[in-house]
């Protein structure tokens, strides 16, 4: 049976800021700095500065590559992938620093991953998804002083520090050559890159242009970039395709975490926050979907990340949508999601990490998830009620209120979805970014 919010709840919700239901008196809507705030900032300027530290500035959730997302021909064969091939990728970092180091993952590889040579550079004209680099900007990457490294199955390796003055919000080019390829069709990637990468035969790690390269919109092997920074903290986001950016612009970097980072950079006292997108399309909280479940990956993607002191959880729609449209199944999935969120909060708090819960978006009219009886909508409302009212989160981001249609609250605003009534367009993602109070990050 489709649940209808009570008149009292609708009136109460209408009187609260769209962006936030606070669970702490210290949290409120973002406001311009008062004189007291300015005095506080002046006092802070005279306190000893924090020591520099490694902080993740870009991440991509590693997952097993599906057959449809393998490197295109001729770079995948029956024997393996990228034999005698160069792979060039660009990534959009958040905060900067004067040194960086790279992380490569072979977590899902079916064989050791031999990286023969690696370089970093600035992309031509600073562009995202471009194959050319700025002349003279290429630098070799080493591991323990060596130019090549073989990453064992299931492992993640971190490069040596590299001197590079990396500006906040800039793009970085990473080029890898595999002389012998990876001898397996089980490889690690992040398919939902929304950024174009390039493949070409032979060793072209230091080339400024890649003539005749084949393009593909996926990232492979590269899982994180760290920056050596002072006073910077990181906010990790656990999410699904709505955070991974389905419906955003390829090479546009206009997912909602990207747009949130732009707001933080322009905000008062919030330009020292790194934003880590740890989402994947099709991901679920409770069970494996596309990639490991949230409850199984929170250690890897949050607790083990460098510099994280905040976590945003915006996930659960795929759990509800893939569960059977029966009363028993939807009651069970809602209860299990609440238990899982509670567990994640407990574990994050044990590491000193604040946790912000984002309400789940409506999916009415979506052909896959909407059901005639409104049972899935009822489960969504149950979960959202708990997110808003339980008091377990350090703050609540009411994304549901930001993009739902007031005239039909079980549906998205018609102007903000990408055509499927589930995913958003860049304008819709902008509304989510705008619904996050910046004072949570000061």
Foldseek 3Di string as FASTA:
>chain_A
DADDDDPVVVVVVVPADQQWQFLDPVDDFFDDDDPVNVVVVVVVVPDDFFAWDKAFFEFEAKFWDDPVQADDPPQQDPFAGQAQKKKKAKDWGAAWAQKKKFKFFQQFPPFKFKWQWKKKAQCVVQFFQAQFGDPPGIDTWAAVPHGIDIHGHRDMGMTDIDGDGDHGRTMMMMMTGDNGHRRDSTFMWAQLQLTKMWMDGHDCNPPRGDPPTDIHRIGGGTGTMIHGDIPAAEEEEEEACLQSPVQEHRRPQLRLLSLLSVCQCVDDPRSRYRYYYHYYHQEAQPQGGRGGHVLVCCCPRAVPGPRYQEYEYAHHQSLLLPFDLDLVRLVVSLVVVLVSVLVSLVVSVVVNHAYEYEQYAAQPQQPRRDDPVNNSVVSSVSNRCCNSPVSSHSIYTHLLSQFADPVHSNFGDPVFANPRRHHGHSVSSNSSSVSHRSVVRD
